[in-house]
């Protein structure tokens, strides 16, 4: 429903049909469409309804917002039937699934866009622009994370009546690594030009002990990644401690330093002043020339619930309509998602270094930097 409500703000995208296993959700979705002034959509209900949508001839793009375990199968089916795909994070949960996504996208020439909204954070976009301007020098180390106290959501504090259907909790409880890496790695992937001049080489991972019935309470995963060119990356997942919300967003370069959390901070060699708080945010706003940054401001003026989502959705439709490469391609989806399986493997095996596949088949250095295209 939230995805549908987001697209009420996106022009040039017609919602033709909806699929769900729950008929009440479908009815509510159509009511939401009517409230936003859009025509009602065709409804497909049942466990195989999604396949019916994949087979329709009047659909260009299929948006997948189901539980993680179903993402890959649905995306592959959609692409095989000629549809572009937008899929929620993570796009895949295993290495095999990552390869399936890449191979299918290459064979069908269909786009597979993973909807990693944190790439469109206003501070992250400004940091990317500063990096492209050379203000940070050579970037040698980055840190990203998803630190979000979800103890109540997971029912770990007794405040939630029923979490039986909470597939995120179940996934985190079963997983011994980082099953949700993309919020942290996404913006870093753009900054370091992963598969656009550099690529992730190997990782090591460590997970702290957890408490409670599922050993989930207090569990924290830390994963270190080294790229072929020698940059280092720290990723963390922490959804059950008392730490304040953070995605870290730390960037270390030979000429500058940027971080968003816990306090926005910018320092570079052009001056001796360390900018923090509102001063850092004001400096970041000076670096907002790329199309995505302008869309973020547009969303802010429209008072959308989440500017990152608005920017991501608007960019996706803009690129598809103008025949442009998407901001996040299938190789991003595979590279960022594969950390889930590999981090768990390393953590279970005493933090053994684990090689990260090259999903580009050796073409990771054909491009030299990340580029965001606009018409």
Protein backbone atom coordinates (compact mmCIF):
# COMPACT_ATOMS: atom_id res chain seq x y z
CA UNK A 1 0.00 0.00 0.00
CA UNK A 2 2.83 2.41 0.83
CA UNK A 3 4.35 1.89 -2.61
CA UNK A 4 1.01 2.65 -4.24
CA UNK A 5 0.61 5.80 -2.16
CA UNK A 6 4.09 6.94 -3.21
CA UNK A 7 3.21 6.69 -6.87
CA UNK A 8 0.32 9.11 -6.40
CA UNK A 9 3.05 11.78 -6.61
CA UNK A 10 4.73 10.35 -9.73
CA UNK A 11 3.50 11.58 -13.09
CA UNK A 12 3.88 9.64 -16.33
CA UNK A 13 3.28 6.27 -14.66
CA UNK A 14 -0.11 4.57 -15.08
CA UNK A 15 -1.00 1.80 -12.64
CA UNK A 16 -2.78 -0.83 -14.73
CA UNK A 17 -3.18 -3.73 -12.33
CA UNK A 18 -2.52 -4.95 -8.81
CA UNK A 19 -1.83 -8.44 -7.47
CA UNK A 20 -2.05 -9.71 -3.89
CA UNK A 21 -3.05 -12.81 -1.98
CA UNK A 22 -5.36 -10.75 0.25
CA UNK A 23 -8.55 -9.42 -1.41
CA UNK A 24 -9.06 -6.80 1.30
CA UNK A 25 -5.69 -5.27 0.48
CA UNK A 26 -6.61 -5.12 -3.18
CA UNK A 27 -9.88 -3.35 -2.43
CA UNK A 28 -8.08 -0.89 -0.17
CA UNK A 29 -5.49 -0.29 -2.88
CA UNK A 30 -8.13 0.61 -5.45
CA UNK A 31 -9.76 2.96 -2.96
CA UNK A 32 -6.37 4.61 -2.51
CA UNK A 33 -6.05 5.03 -6.27
CA UNK A 34 -9.45 6.68 -6.46
CA UNK A 35 -8.59 9.07 -3.64
CA UNK A 36 -5.50 10.16 -5.56
CA UNK A 37 -7.58 10.87 -8.67
CA UNK A 38 -6.40 7.84 -10.63
CA UNK A 39 -8.60 5.23 -12.31
CA UNK A 40 -9.15 1.92 -10.55
CA UNK A 41 -6.75 -0.88 -11.50
CA UNK A 42 -7.49 -4.42 -12.64
CA UNK A 43 -7.21 -6.80 -9.70
CA UNK A 44 -5.50 -10.21 -9.63
CA UNK A 45 -5.99 -12.15 -6.40
CA UNK A 46 -4.46 -15.40 -5.17
CA UNK A 47 -1.08 -17.08 -4.66
CA UNK A 48 -0.41 -17.24 -8.43
CA UNK A 49 -1.86 -13.82 -9.27
CA UNK A 50 1.59 -12.36 -9.74
CA UNK A 51 2.22 -14.74 -12.64
CA UNK A 52 -0.94 -13.52 -14.36
CA UNK A 53 0.42 -9.97 -14.18
CA UNK A 54 3.76 -11.07 -15.64
CA UNK A 55 1.92 -12.53 -18.64
CA UNK A 56 -0.11 -9.41 -19.43
CA UNK A 57 0.76 -7.61 -22.66
CA UNK A 58 -0.13 -4.11 -21.46
CA UNK A 59 2.48 -3.88 -18.68
CA UNK A 60 5.92 -2.28 -19.05
CA UNK A 61 7.15 -2.40 -15.46
CA UNK A 62 6.39 -4.76 -12.58
CA UNK A 63 7.05 -3.49 -9.06
CA UNK A 64 7.74 -6.29 -6.56
CA UNK A 65 7.18 -5.50 -2.89
CA UNK A 66 6.73 -8.93 -1.33
CA UNK A 67 8.77 -10.87 1.23
CA UNK A 68 12.47 -11.29 0.47
CA UNK A 69 12.28 -14.99 -0.36
CA UNK A 70 10.02 -14.36 -3.37
CA UNK A 71 11.88 -11.43 -4.95
CA UNK A 72 14.12 -13.35 -7.32
CA UNK A 73 11.52 -15.80 -8.67
CA UNK A 74 9.09 -12.98 -9.41
CA UNK A 75 11.73 -10.78 -11.01
CA UNK A 76 13.00 -13.58 -13.24
CA UNK A 77 9.47 -14.50 -14.36
CA UNK A 78 8.68 -10.87 -15.14
CA UNK A 79 11.83 -10.33 -17.20
CA UNK A 80 11.29 -13.57 -19.11
CA UNK A 81 7.92 -12.19 -20.17
CA UNK A 82 9.39 -8.94 -21.42
CA UNK A 83 8.80 -6.74 -18.38
CA UNK A 84 11.19 -4.37 -16.68
CA UNK A 85 11.38 -4.95 -12.94
CA UNK A 86 11.60 -2.80 -9.84
CA UNK A 87 12.22 -5.01 -6.81
CA UNK A 88 12.45 -4.13 -3.14
CA UNK A 89 15.63 -4.77 -1.18
CA UNK A 90 17.33 -7.15 -1.08
CA UNK A 91 16.75 -8.24 -4.66
CA UNK A 92 18.07 -11.72 -3.89
CA UNK A 93 19.03 -13.70 -0.80
CA UNK A 94 21.57 -16.17 -2.23
CA UNK A 95 24.49 -16.13 -4.64
CA UNK A 96 22.59 -18.42 -7.00
CA UNK A 97 19.68 -15.98 -7.06
CA UNK A 98 22.05 -13.09 -7.77
CA UNK A 99 23.42 -14.96 -10.78
CA UNK A 100 19.86 -15.73 -11.93
CA UNK A 101 18.96 -12.04 -11.91
CA UNK A 102 22.04 -11.04 -13.89
CA UNK A 103 21.76 -13.86 -16.42
CA UNK A 104 18.05 -13.22 -16.99
CA UNK A 105 18.48 -9.46 -17.38
CA UNK A 106 21.31 -10.01 -19.86
CA UNK A 107 19.38 -12.63 -21.84
CA UNK A 108 16.12 -10.67 -22.01
CA UNK A 109 17.65 -7.17 -22.21
CA UNK A 110 15.23 -6.06 -19.49
CA UNK A 111 16.07 -3.70 -16.65
CA UNK A 112 16.17 -5.00 -13.08
CA UNK A 113 16.12 -2.03 -10.71
CA UNK A 114 16.54 -2.64 -6.99
CA UNK A 115 14.69 0.06 -5.07
CA UNK A 116 17.44 1.12 -2.66
CA UNK A 117 16.08 4.45 -1.51
CA UNK A 118 19.03 5.32 0.75
CA UNK A 119 21.07 6.07 -2.37
CA UNK A 120 18.78 9.09 -2.77
CA UNK A 121 19.35 10.56 0.68
CA UNK A 122 20.01 14.29 0.17
CA UNK A 123 23.30 14.18 2.10
CA UNK A 124 24.43 11.09 0.19
CA UNK A 125 23.68 12.78 -3.15
CA UNK A 126 25.64 15.87 -2.08
CA UNK A 127 28.53 13.66 -0.97
CA UNK A 128 28.52 11.94 -4.36
CA UNK A 129 28.63 15.30 -6.12
CA UNK A 130 31.49 16.49 -3.89
CA UNK A 131 33.39 13.30 -4.68
CA UNK A 132 32.88 13.77 -8.42
CA UNK A 133 34.15 17.35 -8.12
CA UNK A 134 37.35 16.01 -6.55
CA UNK A 135 36.75 17.73 -3.22
CA UNK A 136 37.36 14.53 -1.27
CA UNK A 137 40.40 13.34 -3.22
CA UNK A 138 40.92 9.59 -3.52
CA UNK A 139 38.35 7.78 -1.38
CA UNK A 140 40.06 5.09 0.67
CA UNK A 141 37.47 4.08 3.28
CA UNK A 142 33.68 4.20 3.63
CA UNK A 143 31.24 3.13 6.33
CA UNK A 144 27.55 2.35 5.96
CA UNK A 145 24.94 0.70 8.12
CA UNK A 146 21.36 0.02 8.99
CA UNK A 147 21.12 0.80 12.70
CA UNK A 148 17.47 0.98 13.68
CA UNK A 149 15.94 -0.16 16.96
CA UNK A 150 13.16 -2.51 15.84
CA UNK A 151 12.76 -4.29 19.17
CA UNK A 152 9.11 -3.26 19.46
CA UNK A 153 8.40 -4.17 15.83
CA UNK A 154 9.91 -7.60 16.41
CA UNK A 155 7.94 -8.10 19.62
CA UNK A 156 11.13 -8.37 21.69
CA UNK A 157 9.91 -5.95 24.37
CA UNK A 158 6.41 -7.34 24.82
CA UNK A 159 4.79 -4.38 23.07
CA UNK A 160 3.67 -6.23 19.94
CA UNK A 161 0.74 -8.64 20.12
CA UNK A 162 1.47 -10.73 17.04
CA UNK A 163 4.66 -10.97 15.01
CA UNK A 164 3.92 -14.35 13.41
CA UNK A 165 3.77 -12.73 9.99
CA UNK A 166 6.85 -10.58 10.44
CA UNK A 167 9.13 -12.08 7.82
CA UNK A 168 11.87 -9.54 8.45
CA UNK A 169 12.16 -10.64 12.07
CA UNK A 170 12.23 -14.29 11.04
CA UNK A 171 14.92 -13.62 8.44
CA UNK A 172 17.09 -11.72 10.91
CA UNK A 173 16.63 -14.40 13.58
CA UNK A 174 17.72 -17.22 11.24
CA UNK A 175 20.57 -15.31 9.66
CA UNK A 176 24.01 -15.20 11.28
CA UNK A 177 25.47 -12.47 9.07
CA UNK A 178 23.99 -9.31 7.53
CA UNK A 179 20.75 -10.22 5.71
CA UNK A 180 19.91 -6.55 5.03
CA UNK A 181 23.09 -4.96 3.64
CA UNK A 182 21.85 -2.69 0.87
CA UNK A 183 21.00 0.45 2.87
CA UNK A 184 24.64 0.62 3.90
CA UNK A 185 26.41 -0.50 0.73
CA UNK A 186 24.23 1.31 -1.83
CA UNK A 187 25.56 4.87 -1.51
CA UNK A 188 29.07 3.48 -1.06
CA UNK A 189 28.78 1.50 -4.28
CA UNK A 190 28.11 4.71 -6.17
CA UNK A 191 30.94 6.59 -4.45
CA UNK A 192 33.54 3.91 -5.13
CA UNK A 193 32.30 3.18 -8.64
CA UNK A 194 31.75 -0.51 -7.96
CA UNK A 195 31.77 -2.37 -11.31
CA UNK A 196 32.52 1.03 -12.80
CA UNK A 197 36.29 1.03 -12.31
CA UNK A 198 36.54 -0.96 -9.09
CA UNK A 199 34.78 -3.93 -7.54
CA UNK A 200 34.45 -5.68 -4.20
CA UNK A 201 37.14 -8.36 -3.84
CA UNK A 202 36.51 -10.15 -0.54
CA UNK A 203 34.88 -9.72 2.87
CA UNK A 204 35.21 -10.85 6.47
CA UNK A 205 32.28 -10.81 8.86
CA UNK A 206 31.64 -11.12 12.60
CA UNK A 207 28.34 -11.30 14.49
CA UNK A 208 28.04 -10.64 18.20
CA UNK A 209 26.11 -12.98 20.45
CA UNK A 210 22.41 -12.31 20.87
CA UNK A 211 20.05 -12.80 23.77
CA UNK A 212 16.45 -13.91 24.16
CA UNK A 213 14.52 -16.88 22.74
CA UNK A 214 15.76 -16.36 19.16
CA UNK A 215 19.17 -15.00 20.21
CA UNK A 216 18.24 -11.85 18.29
CA UNK A 217 18.16 -9.23 21.04
CA UNK A 218 21.39 -7.23 21.05
CA UNK A 219 22.89 -8.98 18.03
CA UNK A 220 25.15 -6.82 15.82
CA UNK A 221 26.91 -7.78 12.61
CA UNK A 222 30.03 -6.03 11.34
CA UNK A 223 31.35 -6.82 7.87
CA UNK A 224 34.60 -5.54 6.39
CA UNK A 225 35.06 -5.47 2.62
CA UNK A 226 38.16 -4.76 0.54
CA UNK A 227 37.95 -3.70 -3.09
CA UNK A 228 40.31 -4.72 -5.87
CA UNK A 229 41.84 -1.23 -5.80
CA UNK A 230 42.38 -1.39 -2.05
CA UNK A 231 39.54 0.69 -0.59
CA UNK A 232 37.99 -0.61 2.62
CA UNK A 233 34.31 -0.69 3.59
CA UNK A 234 32.67 -1.24 6.97
CA UNK A 235 29.03 -2.35 7.00
CA UNK A 236 26.95 -2.85 10.12
CA UNK A 237 23.50 -4.26 10.81
CA UNK A 238 21.99 -3.54 14.22
CA UNK A 239 18.22 -3.70 14.61
CA UNK A 240 17.87 -4.83 18.24
CA UNK A 241 20.12 -2.67 20.43
CA UNK A 242 19.34 0.72 21.95
CA UNK A 243 21.62 2.62 19.56
CA UNK A 244 20.01 5.67 17.93
CA UNK A 245 19.08 5.41 14.26
CA UNK A 246 22.06 5.67 11.94
CA UNK A 247 23.29 4.66 8.51
CA UNK A 248 26.79 6.01 9.33
CA UNK A 249 27.42 7.42 5.81
CA UNK A 250 31.10 7.99 6.54
CA UNK A 251 33.52 8.76 3.71
CA UNK A 252 37.29 9.16 4.10
CA UNK A 253 39.31 10.63 1.25
CA UNK A 254 42.82 11.97 0.81
CA UNK A 255 41.47 15.54 0.67
CA UNK A 256 38.33 15.40 2.75
CA UNK A 257 36.02 13.68 5.22
CA UNK A 258 32.24 13.48 5.26
CA UNK A 259 29.81 11.83 7.64
CA UNK A 260 26.06 12.15 8.17
CA UNK A 261 25.58 10.34 11.48
CA UNK A 262 25.46 11.02 14.37
CA UNK A 263 26.11 14.67 13.43
CA UNK A 264 26.56 15.87 9.82
CA UNK A 265 30.25 16.72 9.40
CA UNK A 266 32.31 17.96 6.44
CA UNK A 267 36.05 18.68 6.32
CA UNK A 268 38.24 19.23 3.28
CA UNK A 269 41.61 20.76 2.46
CA UNK A 270 40.15 23.97 1.01
CA UNK A 271 39.79 25.36 4.53
CA UNK A 272 40.80 24.68 8.10
CA UNK A 273 37.26 24.61 9.45
CA UNK A 274 35.33 21.48 10.33
CA UNK A 275 31.68 22.06 9.48
CA UNK A 276 29.15 20.31 11.68
CA UNK A 277 25.39 20.25 12.12
CA UNK A 278 23.53 22.96 10.24
CA UNK A 279 26.76 24.38 8.80
CA UNK A 280 27.56 21.01 7.24
CA UNK A 281 24.03 20.70 5.86
CA UNK A 282 24.30 24.20 4.37
CA UNK A 283 27.58 23.22 2.69
CA UNK A 284 25.99 20.03 1.37
CA UNK A 285 23.19 22.06 -0.20
CA UNK A 286 25.79 23.83 -2.35
CA UNK A 287 26.37 20.52 -4.15
CA UNK A 288 22.94 19.69 -5.51
CA UNK A 289 23.21 20.11 -9.27
CA UNK A 290 22.54 16.55 -10.39
CA UNK A 291 19.02 15.68 -11.49
CA UNK A 292 18.33 13.46 -8.47
CA UNK A 293 19.19 16.24 -6.04
CA UNK A 294 16.81 18.59 -7.82
CA UNK A 295 14.08 15.96 -7.63
CA UNK A 296 14.70 15.61 -3.90
CA UNK A 297 14.05 19.33 -3.51
CA UNK A 298 10.96 19.00 -5.70
CA UNK A 299 9.63 16.27 -3.45
CA UNK A 300 10.32 18.41 -0.41
CA UNK A 301 8.32 21.27 -1.93
CA UNK A 302 5.46 18.86 -2.62
CA UNK A 303 5.54 17.77 1.02
CA UNK A 304 5.84 14.10 0.13
CA UNK A 305 6.13 11.67 3.08
CA UNK A 306 9.68 10.63 2.13
CA UNK A 307 11.86 12.60 -0.28
CA UNK A 308 14.24 9.68 -0.83
CA UNK A 309 11.40 7.50 -2.09
CA UNK A 310 10.03 10.28 -4.28
CA UNK A 311 13.44 10.86 -5.86
CA UNK A 312 14.00 7.15 -6.45
CA UNK A 313 10.57 6.62 -8.00
CA UNK A 314 10.78 9.75 -10.16
CA UNK A 315 14.26 8.83 -11.37
CA UNK A 316 13.17 5.31 -12.29
CA UNK A 317 10.25 6.53 -14.39
CA UNK A 318 12.33 9.34 -15.93
CA UNK A 319 15.04 6.93 -17.08
CA UNK A 320 12.61 4.34 -18.42
CA UNK A 321 10.61 6.91 -20.37
CA UNK A 322 13.74 8.44 -21.91
CA UNK A 323 15.58 5.19 -22.65
CA UNK A 324 18.41 5.97 -20.24
CA UNK A 325 20.55 3.60 -18.17
CA UNK A 326 18.98 3.20 -14.75
CA UNK A 327 20.64 4.59 -11.63
CA UNK A 328 20.77 1.12 -10.08
CA UNK A 329 21.36 -1.72 -12.52
CA UNK A 330 21.16 -5.49 -12.16
CA UNK A 331 24.87 -5.71 -11.33
CA UNK A 332 24.34 -3.33 -8.40
CA UNK A 333 21.40 -5.47 -7.31
CA UNK A 334 23.51 -8.63 -7.39
CA UNK A 335 26.66 -7.13 -5.84
CA UNK A 336 24.87 -5.44 -2.98
CA UNK A 337 22.51 -8.35 -2.27
CA UNK A 338 25.18 -11.07 -2.37
CA UNK A 339 26.67 -9.70 0.85
CA UNK A 340 23.81 -11.40 2.71
CA UNK A 341 24.95 -14.95 1.97
CA UNK A 342 28.67 -14.19 1.98
CA UNK A 343 28.63 -12.36 5.32
CA UNK A 344 26.80 -15.26 6.95
CA UNK A 345 29.25 -17.75 5.49
CA UNK A 346 32.21 -15.78 6.84
CA UNK A 347 30.64 -15.24 10.27
CA UNK A 348 29.82 -18.94 10.63
CA UNK A 349 33.36 -19.92 9.61
CA UNK A 350 35.30 -17.86 12.13
CA UNK A 351 35.37 -14.67 10.06
CA UNK A 352 37.17 -16.40 7.20
CA UNK A 353 37.80 -14.16 4.17
CA UNK A 354 35.23 -14.92 1.45
CA UNK A 355 35.71 -13.93 -2.19
CA UNK A 356 32.98 -11.82 -3.78
CA UNK A 357 31.91 -12.87 -7.29
CA UNK A 358 32.42 -10.64 -10.30
CA UNK A 359 28.93 -10.55 -11.76
CA UNK A 360 30.14 -8.49 -14.75
CA UNK A 361 32.21 -11.37 -16.20
CA UNK A 362 35.38 -9.27 -16.16
CA UNK A 363 33.86 -6.02 -17.42
CA UNK A 364 33.96 -4.19 -14.07
CA UNK A 365 36.60 -1.73 -15.33
CA UNK A 366 35.01 -0.93 -18.72
CA UNK A 367 33.51 2.19 -17.11
CA UNK A 368 35.61 4.51 -14.97
CA UNK A 369 33.10 6.10 -12.59
CA UNK A 370 29.45 6.11 -11.58
CA UNK A 371 27.26 8.26 -13.83
CA UNK A 372 23.68 9.39 -13.28
CA UNK A 373 22.04 10.06 -16.65
CA UNK A 374 19.26 12.54 -17.38
CA UNK A 375 17.42 13.74 -20.47
